[in-house]
Amino acid sequence: MSSLVSVVRNSLPELVRIPELIERHAVQVAQFENWDAGCNWHEFHVNHYDWWASPINKPSSYDFSYTVYSCEIAVVRQDEAFMQLHRHGAQLLLPYGWDFFVGAVMSDPAPGHAQANLPIRSSNCARHIWLFSQVEQYESCVEYDKYLKAEGRSFWCKDRDLFDEIVVPHHD
């Protein structure tokens, strides 16, 4: 008996096509690099870029324009240049004040280099990293969010606690 693999594609007309998504992502990571190099971490907190920096399998305020499913994810995962940039962008984006490589809070973060209280961004970024099979980065994000939770940080956004969505990714 063969197993069936569900291939889901975003076929809606408003979908931003893969080449445009890749380009928009590259431009955003370059902006992240500029903010990081200039110690402008406040820019990470106040700007809106989640849809193309961390596309997920759920609609956003852009409806389904940046929604990716298994088909779109499979296509971009084959692009090694994109995946390298993807990993680098995630390291710059989330979590701020956390050393991805060591898996611990930065011992001496610069002023302003700290996590904003944006649980929806944490949730979406963790989901994005999980969907793109970046296991080590995902585990690092989870460890950081567990640390924040232990420190008393709330993960409530609108009407729900997003902590469980971060720690146990959903495939809906």
N, C-alpha and C. Protein backbone atom coordinates (compact mmCIF):
# COMPACT_ATOMS: atom_id res chain seq x y z
N MET A 1 0.84 -1.18 0.00
CA MET A 1 0.00 0.00 0.00
C MET A 1 0.89 1.24 0.00
N SER A 2 0.63 2.15 -0.91
CA SER A 2 1.43 3.38 -0.98
C SER A 2 0.78 4.46 -0.13
N SER A 3 1.60 5.31 0.40
CA SER A 3 1.07 6.41 1.20
C SER A 3 0.74 7.58 0.30
N LEU A 4 -0.29 8.28 0.64
CA LEU A 4 -0.70 9.45 -0.14
C LEU A 4 -0.09 10.69 0.49
N VAL A 5 0.48 11.53 -0.33
CA VAL A 5 1.04 12.78 0.14
C VAL A 5 0.12 13.90 -0.33
N SER A 6 -0.32 14.68 0.60
CA SER A 6 -1.21 15.78 0.26
C SER A 6 -0.39 16.96 -0.23
N VAL A 7 -0.64 17.34 -1.47
CA VAL A 7 0.03 18.51 -2.03
C VAL A 7 -1.01 19.61 -2.13
N VAL A 8 -0.77 20.65 -1.41
CA VAL A 8 -1.69 21.78 -1.40
C VAL A 8 -1.00 22.96 -2.05
N ARG A 9 -1.74 23.63 -2.90
CA ARG A 9 -1.20 24.77 -3.63
C ARG A 9 -2.13 25.97 -3.41
N ASN A 10 -1.55 27.13 -3.29
CA ASN A 10 -2.34 28.36 -3.24
C ASN A 10 -2.61 28.75 -4.69
N SER A 11 -3.81 28.49 -5.15
CA SER A 11 -4.16 28.78 -6.54
C SER A 11 -5.01 30.03 -6.67
N LEU A 12 -5.15 30.77 -5.60
CA LEU A 12 -5.95 31.98 -5.65
C LEU A 12 -5.24 33.05 -6.49
N PRO A 13 -5.99 33.83 -7.21
CA PRO A 13 -5.37 34.82 -8.12
C PRO A 13 -4.55 35.89 -7.41
N GLU A 14 -4.85 36.17 -6.14
CA GLU A 14 -4.10 37.22 -5.44
C GLU A 14 -2.75 36.75 -4.92
N LEU A 15 -2.44 35.47 -5.05
CA LEU A 15 -1.15 34.96 -4.57
C LEU A 15 0.00 35.70 -5.25
N VAL A 16 0.94 36.16 -4.44
CA VAL A 16 2.16 36.74 -4.96
C VAL A 16 2.98 35.56 -5.47
N ARG A 17 3.38 35.60 -6.71
CA ARG A 17 4.09 34.48 -7.32
C ARG A 17 5.47 34.30 -6.68
N ILE A 18 5.99 33.09 -6.78
CA ILE A 18 7.24 32.70 -6.12
C ILE A 18 8.40 33.65 -6.44
N PRO A 19 8.68 33.99 -7.70
CA PRO A 19 9.81 34.90 -7.95
C PRO A 19 9.66 36.24 -7.23
N GLU A 20 8.44 36.78 -7.20
CA GLU A 20 8.21 38.05 -6.51
C GLU A 20 8.37 37.88 -4.99
N LEU A 21 7.89 36.76 -4.45
CA LEU A 21 8.05 36.49 -3.02
C LEU A 21 9.52 36.39 -2.65
N ILE A 22 10.29 35.68 -3.47
CA ILE A 22 11.73 35.54 -3.22
C ILE A 22 12.41 36.90 -3.26
N GLU A 23 12.06 37.73 -4.24
CA GLU A 23 12.67 39.07 -4.36
C GLU A 23 12.26 39.95 -3.18
N ARG A 24 11.01 39.94 -2.82
CA ARG A 24 10.54 40.76 -1.71
C ARG A 24 11.22 40.34 -0.40
N HIS A 25 11.40 39.03 -0.24
CA HIS A 25 12.08 38.50 0.94
C HIS A 25 13.53 38.98 0.97
N ALA A 26 14.22 38.93 -0.17
CA ALA A 26 15.63 39.36 -0.24
C ALA A 26 15.76 40.84 0.10
N VAL A 27 14.86 41.66 -0.41
CA VAL A 27 14.89 43.09 -0.10
C VAL A 27 14.67 43.30 1.40
N GLN A 28 13.77 42.52 1.99
CA GLN A 28 13.49 42.67 3.43
C GLN A 28 14.69 42.26 4.26
N VAL A 29 15.35 41.16 3.90
CA VAL A 29 16.53 40.72 4.66
C VAL A 29 17.63 41.77 4.56
N ALA A 30 17.79 42.39 3.40
CA ALA A 30 18.78 43.47 3.26
C ALA A 30 18.42 44.62 4.20
N GLN A 31 17.13 44.91 4.33
CA GLN A 31 16.72 45.95 5.26
C GLN A 31 17.01 45.53 6.71
N PHE A 32 16.76 44.26 7.03
CA PHE A 32 17.11 43.75 8.36
C PHE A 32 18.60 43.94 8.63
N GLU A 33 19.42 43.62 7.65
CA GLU A 33 20.88 43.77 7.80
C GLU A 33 21.25 45.21 8.08
N ASN A 34 20.63 46.15 7.38
CA ASN A 34 20.90 47.57 7.59
C ASN A 34 20.48 48.00 9.00
N TRP A 35 19.31 47.55 9.43
CA TRP A 35 18.85 47.90 10.78
C TRP A 35 19.80 47.33 11.82
N ASP A 36 20.21 46.08 11.62
CA ASP A 36 21.11 45.43 12.57
C ASP A 36 22.47 46.12 12.59
N ALA A 37 23.03 46.41 11.43
CA ALA A 37 24.34 47.07 11.35
C ALA A 37 24.32 48.45 12.00
N GLY A 38 23.19 49.14 11.88
CA GLY A 38 23.06 50.47 12.47
C GLY A 38 22.51 50.46 13.88
N CYS A 39 22.37 49.27 14.46
CA CYS A 39 21.80 49.13 15.82
C CYS A 39 20.42 49.77 15.91
N ASN A 40 19.66 49.70 14.82
CA ASN A 40 18.32 50.27 14.77
C ASN A 40 17.28 49.19 15.04
N TRP A 41 17.37 48.54 16.20
CA TRP A 41 16.48 47.42 16.50
C TRP A 41 15.04 47.84 16.66
N HIS A 42 14.82 49.11 16.98
CA HIS A 42 13.44 49.60 17.08
C HIS A 42 12.70 49.39 15.76
N GLU A 43 13.41 49.48 14.65
CA GLU A 43 12.79 49.29 13.33
C GLU A 43 12.19 47.89 13.19
N PHE A 44 12.81 46.89 13.81
CA PHE A 44 12.27 45.53 13.77
C PHE A 44 10.91 45.48 14.46
N HIS A 45 10.73 46.33 15.48
CA HIS A 45 9.50 46.30 16.26
C HIS A 45 8.35 47.05 15.60
N VAL A 46 8.65 48.12 14.89
CA VAL A 46 7.58 49.01 14.42
C VAL A 46 7.21 48.83 12.95
N ASN A 47 8.04 48.16 12.19
CA ASN A 47 7.74 47.98 10.77
C ASN A 47 6.90 46.72 10.54
N HIS A 48 6.21 46.72 9.42
CA HIS A 48 5.35 45.60 9.05
C HIS A 48 5.95 44.90 7.84
N TYR A 49 6.33 43.65 8.03
CA TYR A 49 7.01 42.88 6.98
C TYR A 49 6.78 41.38 7.11
N ASP A 50 6.02 40.98 8.10
CA ASP A 50 5.88 39.56 8.42
C ASP A 50 5.42 38.72 7.24
N TRP A 51 4.55 39.26 6.39
CA TRP A 51 3.92 38.48 5.33
C TRP A 51 4.94 37.96 4.33
N TRP A 52 5.91 38.77 3.94
CA TRP A 52 6.90 38.33 2.97
C TRP A 52 8.21 37.90 3.62
N ALA A 53 8.45 38.33 4.86
CA ALA A 53 9.66 37.88 5.57
C ALA A 53 9.44 36.48 6.16
N SER A 54 8.21 36.19 6.56
CA SER A 54 7.90 34.90 7.19
C SER A 54 6.55 34.38 6.70
N PRO A 55 6.43 34.06 5.40
CA PRO A 55 5.14 33.58 4.90
C PRO A 55 4.74 32.26 5.57
N ILE A 56 3.46 32.13 5.86
CA ILE A 56 2.95 30.93 6.52
C ILE A 56 1.73 30.39 5.76
N ASN A 57 1.16 29.32 6.28
CA ASN A 57 0.04 28.64 5.64
C ASN A 57 -1.32 29.13 6.13
N LYS A 58 -1.37 30.39 6.53
CA LYS A 58 -2.61 30.99 6.98
C LYS A 58 -2.75 32.37 6.34
N PRO A 59 -3.97 32.81 6.07
CA PRO A 59 -4.15 34.15 5.51
C PRO A 59 -3.78 35.22 6.53
N SER A 60 -3.51 36.41 6.02
CA SER A 60 -3.13 37.53 6.87
C SER A 60 -3.99 38.74 6.48
N SER A 61 -3.57 39.91 6.91
CA SER A 61 -4.28 41.12 6.51
C SER A 61 -4.15 41.36 5.00
N TYR A 62 -3.26 40.62 4.34
CA TYR A 62 -3.14 40.65 2.89
C TYR A 62 -3.95 39.51 2.27
N ASP A 63 -4.92 39.00 3.01
CA ASP A 63 -5.72 37.84 2.61
C ASP A 63 -4.80 36.65 2.34
N PHE A 64 -4.88 36.08 1.14
CA PHE A 64 -4.08 34.90 0.82
C PHE A 64 -2.87 35.26 -0.06
N SER A 65 -2.56 36.53 -0.20
CA SER A 65 -1.48 36.95 -1.10
C SER A 65 -0.14 36.33 -0.78
N TYR A 66 0.19 36.19 0.48
CA TYR A 66 1.48 35.65 0.89
C TYR A 66 1.33 34.30 1.60
N THR A 67 0.19 33.66 1.43
CA THR A 67 -0.06 32.36 2.05
C THR A 67 0.63 31.29 1.23
N VAL A 68 1.44 30.49 1.89
CA VAL A 68 2.16 29.41 1.21
C VAL A 68 1.72 28.07 1.77
N TYR A 69 1.59 27.13 0.87
CA TYR A 69 1.24 25.77 1.26
C TYR A 69 2.37 24.85 0.81
N SER A 70 2.16 23.57 0.93
CA SER A 70 3.23 22.61 0.68
C SER A 70 3.87 22.76 -0.70
N CYS A 71 3.10 23.07 -1.71
CA CYS A 71 3.64 23.21 -3.06
C CYS A 71 4.60 24.40 -3.15
N GLU A 72 4.17 25.56 -2.68
CA GLU A 72 5.03 26.75 -2.73
C GLU A 72 6.27 26.57 -1.87
N ILE A 73 6.09 25.96 -0.71
CA ILE A 73 7.22 25.73 0.19
C ILE A 73 8.23 24.80 -0.48
N ALA A 74 7.76 23.74 -1.12
CA ALA A 74 8.66 22.80 -1.80
C ALA A 74 9.46 23.50 -2.89
N VAL A 75 8.84 24.40 -3.61
CA VAL A 75 9.53 25.12 -4.69
C VAL A 75 10.64 25.99 -4.13
N VAL A 76 10.34 26.80 -3.14
CA VAL A 76 11.37 27.71 -2.62
C VAL A 76 12.45 26.98 -1.83
N ARG A 77 12.10 25.85 -1.22
CA ARG A 77 13.12 25.08 -0.49
C ARG A 77 14.18 24.50 -1.42
N GLN A 78 13.88 24.37 -2.70
CA GLN A 78 14.86 23.88 -3.67
C GLN A 78 15.86 24.96 -4.06
N ASP A 79 15.58 26.19 -3.73
CA ASP A 79 16.44 27.32 -4.06
C ASP A 79 17.40 27.54 -2.89
N GLU A 80 18.63 27.01 -3.01
CA GLU A 80 19.58 27.08 -1.90
C GLU A 80 19.93 28.52 -1.52
N ALA A 81 20.02 29.41 -2.50
CA ALA A 81 20.32 30.82 -2.18
C ALA A 81 19.20 31.41 -1.32
N PHE A 82 17.95 31.09 -1.68
CA PHE A 82 16.83 31.56 -0.88
C PHE A 82 16.91 30.99 0.53
N MET A 83 17.19 29.69 0.64
CA MET A 83 17.21 29.05 1.96
C MET A 83 18.32 29.62 2.85
N GLN A 84 19.47 29.94 2.27
CA GLN A 84 20.54 30.58 3.06
C GLN A 84 20.08 31.95 3.55
N LEU A 85 19.47 32.71 2.66
CA LEU A 85 18.97 34.03 3.03
C LEU A 85 17.83 33.90 4.04
N HIS A 86 17.03 32.90 3.87
CA HIS A 86 15.92 32.61 4.78
C HIS A 86 16.44 32.38 6.21
N ARG A 87 17.46 31.55 6.34
CA ARG A 87 18.05 31.27 7.67
C ARG A 87 18.64 32.55 8.26
N HIS A 88 19.36 33.30 7.44
CA HIS A 88 19.98 34.54 7.92
C HIS A 88 18.90 35.55 8.34
N GLY A 89 17.86 35.69 7.55
CA GLY A 89 16.78 36.61 7.89
C GLY A 89 16.10 36.25 9.19
N ALA A 90 15.87 34.95 9.39
CA ALA A 90 15.24 34.50 10.63
C ALA A 90 16.13 34.79 11.83
N GLN A 91 17.43 34.63 11.66
CA GLN A 91 18.36 34.92 12.75
C GLN A 91 18.34 36.40 13.11
N LEU A 92 18.19 37.26 12.11
CA LEU A 92 18.13 38.69 12.37
C LEU A 92 16.78 39.10 12.96
N LEU A 93 15.74 38.48 12.49
CA LEU A 93 14.40 38.88 12.87
C LEU A 93 14.00 38.45 14.27
N LEU A 94 14.13 37.19 14.54
CA LEU A 94 13.54 36.68 15.75
C LEU A 94 14.40 35.57 16.29
N PRO A 95 14.60 35.51 17.51
CA PRO A 95 14.22 36.50 18.51
C PRO A 95 15.33 37.50 18.74
N TYR A 96 14.97 38.70 19.00
CA TYR A 96 15.94 39.75 19.29
C TYR A 96 16.47 39.52 20.69
N GLY A 97 17.76 39.70 20.87
CA GLY A 97 18.34 39.52 22.20
C GLY A 97 18.61 38.07 22.55
N TRP A 98 18.48 37.18 21.58
CA TRP A 98 18.68 35.75 21.80
C TRP A 98 19.74 35.28 20.83
N ASP A 99 20.67 34.52 21.29
CA ASP A 99 21.72 33.98 20.43
C ASP A 99 21.25 32.65 19.86
N PHE A 100 20.88 32.66 18.59
CA PHE A 100 20.37 31.46 17.92
C PHE A 100 21.36 30.30 17.99
N PHE A 101 22.64 30.63 17.86
CA PHE A 101 23.64 29.58 17.76
C PHE A 101 23.94 28.92 19.09
N VAL A 102 23.92 29.70 20.16
CA VAL A 102 24.20 29.19 21.50
C VAL A 102 22.92 28.66 22.15
N GLY A 103 21.78 29.25 21.76
CA GLY A 103 20.52 28.86 22.37
C GLY A 103 20.36 29.45 23.75
N ALA A 104 20.75 30.71 23.89
CA ALA A 104 20.67 31.37 25.20
C ALA A 104 20.49 32.87 24.99
N VAL A 105 20.04 33.53 26.05
CA VAL A 105 19.92 34.99 26.03
C VAL A 105 21.31 35.57 25.83
N MET A 106 21.41 36.63 25.02
CA MET A 106 22.70 37.29 24.83
C MET A 106 23.19 37.79 26.18
N SER A 107 24.47 37.57 26.45
CA SER A 107 25.01 37.94 27.75
C SER A 107 25.09 39.46 27.92
N ASP A 108 25.30 40.18 26.84
CA ASP A 108 25.44 41.63 26.93
C ASP A 108 24.81 42.28 25.71
N PRO A 109 23.48 42.20 25.58
CA PRO A 109 22.86 42.80 24.40
C PRO A 109 22.97 44.31 24.42
N ALA A 110 23.05 44.89 23.26
CA ALA A 110 23.09 46.35 23.15
C ALA A 110 21.75 46.93 23.60
N PRO A 111 21.75 48.17 24.06
CA PRO A 111 20.49 48.80 24.45
C PRO A 111 19.48 48.76 23.30
N GLY A 112 18.27 48.38 23.61
CA GLY A 112 17.22 48.30 22.59
C GLY A 112 17.18 46.99 21.84
N HIS A 113 18.17 46.14 22.07
CA HIS A 113 18.21 44.85 21.37
C HIS A 113 17.51 43.81 22.24
N ALA A 114 16.20 43.93 22.32
CA ALA A 114 15.41 43.04 23.15
C ALA A 114 14.11 42.71 22.44
N GLN A 115 13.49 41.65 22.88
CA GLN A 115 12.24 41.19 22.29
C GLN A 115 11.12 42.18 22.54
N ALA A 116 10.43 42.55 21.50
CA ALA A 116 9.23 43.37 21.66
C ALA A 116 8.10 42.46 22.12
N ASN A 117 7.10 43.03 22.71
CA ASN A 117 5.97 42.22 23.14
C ASN A 117 5.01 42.05 21.96
N LEU A 118 5.42 41.22 21.01
CA LEU A 118 4.64 40.96 19.81
C LEU A 118 4.43 39.46 19.67
N PRO A 119 3.53 38.88 20.46
CA PRO A 119 3.37 37.43 20.41
C PRO A 119 2.92 36.91 19.05
N ILE A 120 2.17 37.70 18.29
CA ILE A 120 1.74 37.23 16.97
C ILE A 120 2.95 37.09 16.05
N ARG A 121 3.93 37.98 16.18
CA ARG A 121 5.15 37.88 15.37
C ARG A 121 5.95 36.64 15.78
N SER A 122 6.05 36.39 17.07
CA SER A 122 6.74 35.19 17.54
C SER A 122 6.06 33.94 17.01
N SER A 123 4.74 33.92 17.08
CA SER A 123 3.98 32.77 16.63
C SER A 123 4.13 32.55 15.13
N ASN A 124 3.97 33.61 14.35
CA ASN A 124 4.08 33.47 12.90
C ASN A 124 5.50 33.10 12.47
N CYS A 125 6.50 33.69 13.10
CA CYS A 125 7.87 33.37 12.73
C CYS A 125 8.20 31.92 13.07
N ALA A 126 7.77 31.46 14.24
CA ALA A 126 8.01 30.07 14.62
C ALA A 126 7.30 29.12 13.66
N ARG A 127 6.07 29.44 13.30
CA ARG A 127 5.32 28.61 12.34
C ARG A 127 6.04 28.58 11.00
N HIS A 128 6.50 29.74 10.55
CA HIS A 128 7.21 29.84 9.28
C HIS A 128 8.48 28.98 9.29
N ILE A 129 9.26 29.11 10.33
CA ILE A 129 10.50 28.34 10.44
C ILE A 129 10.19 26.84 10.45
N TRP A 130 9.15 26.45 11.17
CA TRP A 130 8.74 25.05 11.22
C TRP A 130 8.32 24.56 9.82
N LEU A 131 7.47 25.34 9.14
CA LEU A 131 6.99 24.94 7.82
C LEU A 131 8.13 24.78 6.82
N PHE A 132 9.17 25.60 6.97
CA PHE A 132 10.30 25.54 6.05
C PHE A 132 11.39 24.57 6.54
N SER A 133 11.04 23.74 7.51
CA SER A 133 11.88 22.64 8.01
C SER A 133 13.23 23.10 8.54
N GLN A 134 13.25 24.22 9.22
CA GLN A 134 14.47 24.72 9.84
C GLN A 134 14.43 24.32 11.31
N VAL A 135 14.68 23.04 11.56
CA VAL A 135 14.46 22.43 12.87
C VAL A 135 15.28 23.11 13.97
N GLU A 136 16.56 23.32 13.75
CA GLU A 136 17.40 23.92 14.79
C GLU A 136 16.95 25.33 15.13
N GLN A 137 16.61 26.12 14.12
CA GLN A 137 16.13 27.47 14.39
C GLN A 137 14.79 27.44 15.11
N TYR A 138 13.92 26.53 14.69
CA TYR A 138 12.63 26.41 15.35
C TYR A 138 12.82 26.05 16.83
N GLU A 139 13.67 25.08 17.10
CA GLU A 139 13.91 24.67 18.49
C GLU A 139 14.50 25.82 19.30
N SER A 140 15.36 26.62 18.68
CA SER A 140 15.92 27.78 19.37
C SER A 140 14.83 28.80 19.69
N CYS A 141 13.93 29.05 18.73
CA CYS A 141 12.81 29.96 18.98
C CYS A 141 11.95 29.47 20.14
N VAL A 142 11.67 28.18 20.15
CA VAL A 142 10.85 27.60 21.22
C VAL A 142 11.54 27.78 22.57
N GLU A 143 12.84 27.53 22.62
CA GLU A 143 13.57 27.70 23.88
C GLU A 143 13.50 29.14 24.36
N TYR A 144 13.64 30.09 23.44
CA TYR A 144 13.56 31.49 23.82
C TYR A 144 12.17 31.84 24.34
N ASP A 145 11.15 31.37 23.64
CA ASP A 145 9.79 31.67 24.08
C ASP A 145 9.48 31.00 25.42
N LYS A 146 10.03 29.82 25.67
CA LYS A 146 9.88 29.19 26.99
C LYS A 146 10.56 30.04 28.06
N TYR A 147 11.73 30.57 27.72
CA TYR A 147 12.44 31.46 28.65
C TYR A 147 11.57 32.69 28.95
N LEU A 148 11.01 33.32 27.90
CA LEU A 148 10.17 34.50 28.10
C LEU A 148 8.94 34.16 28.95
N LYS A 149 8.33 33.01 28.69
CA LYS A 149 7.16 32.59 29.46
C LYS A 149 7.53 32.42 30.93
N ALA A 150 8.69 31.81 31.19
CA ALA A 150 9.15 31.62 32.57
C ALA A 150 9.43 32.97 33.24
N GLU A 151 9.79 33.97 32.45
CA GLU A 151 10.04 35.32 32.98
C GLU A 151 8.75 36.10 33.17
N GLY A 152 7.61 35.50 32.80
CA GLY A 152 6.32 36.16 32.99
C GLY A 152 5.76 36.83 31.76
N ARG A 153 6.38 36.66 30.62
CA ARG A 153 5.89 37.28 29.38
C ARG A 153 4.57 36.65 28.96
N SER A 154 3.63 37.47 28.56
CA SER A 154 2.34 37.00 28.08
C SER A 154 2.41 36.75 26.57
N PHE A 155 1.75 35.73 26.15
CA PHE A 155 1.67 35.41 24.72
C PHE A 155 0.24 35.56 24.21
N TRP A 156 -0.56 36.34 24.94
CA TRP A 156 -1.94 36.57 24.54
C TRP A 156 -1.99 37.61 23.44
N CYS A 157 -2.77 37.32 22.43
CA CYS A 157 -3.01 38.25 21.32
C CYS A 157 -4.48 38.13 20.94
N LYS A 158 -5.14 39.23 20.99
CA LYS A 158 -6.58 39.28 20.75
C LYS A 158 -7.28 38.33 21.71
N ASP A 159 -7.81 37.22 21.24
CA ASP A 159 -8.63 36.36 22.10
C ASP A 159 -7.99 35.02 22.44
N ARG A 160 -6.68 34.87 22.20
CA ARG A 160 -6.09 33.56 22.48
C ARG A 160 -4.63 33.67 22.91
N ASP A 161 -4.20 32.63 23.61
CA ASP A 161 -2.81 32.52 24.05
C ASP A 161 -2.05 31.80 22.94
N LEU A 162 -1.08 32.47 22.34
CA LEU A 162 -0.34 31.91 21.21
C LEU A 162 0.82 31.03 21.61
N PHE A 163 1.09 30.92 22.91
CA PHE A 163 2.24 30.14 23.34
C PHE A 163 2.17 28.70 22.85
N ASP A 164 1.02 28.07 22.97
CA ASP A 164 0.89 26.69 22.51
C ASP A 164 1.11 26.57 21.00
N GLU A 165 0.71 27.57 20.23
CA GLU A 165 0.94 27.54 18.78
C GLU A 165 2.43 27.62 18.45
N ILE A 166 3.19 28.25 19.31
CA ILE A 166 4.64 28.35 19.10
C ILE A 166 5.31 27.04 19.46
N VAL A 167 4.95 26.52 20.61
CA VAL A 167 5.63 25.33 21.15
C VAL A 167 5.22 24.06 20.41
N VAL A 168 3.97 23.99 19.97
CA VAL A 168 3.48 22.82 19.23
C VAL A 168 2.92 23.34 17.91
N PRO A 169 3.72 23.33 16.85
CA PRO A 169 3.26 23.89 15.58
C PRO A 169 2.07 23.13 15.02
N HIS A 170 1.17 23.86 14.45
CA HIS A 170 -0.03 23.27 13.85
C HIS A 170 0.14 23.26 12.34
N HIS A 171 -0.43 22.27 11.74
CA HIS A 171 -0.30 22.12 10.28
C HIS A 171 -1.59 22.43 9.57
N ASP A 172 -2.47 23.22 10.18
CA ASP A 172 -3.75 23.50 9.54
C ASP A 172 -3.62 24.42 8.36
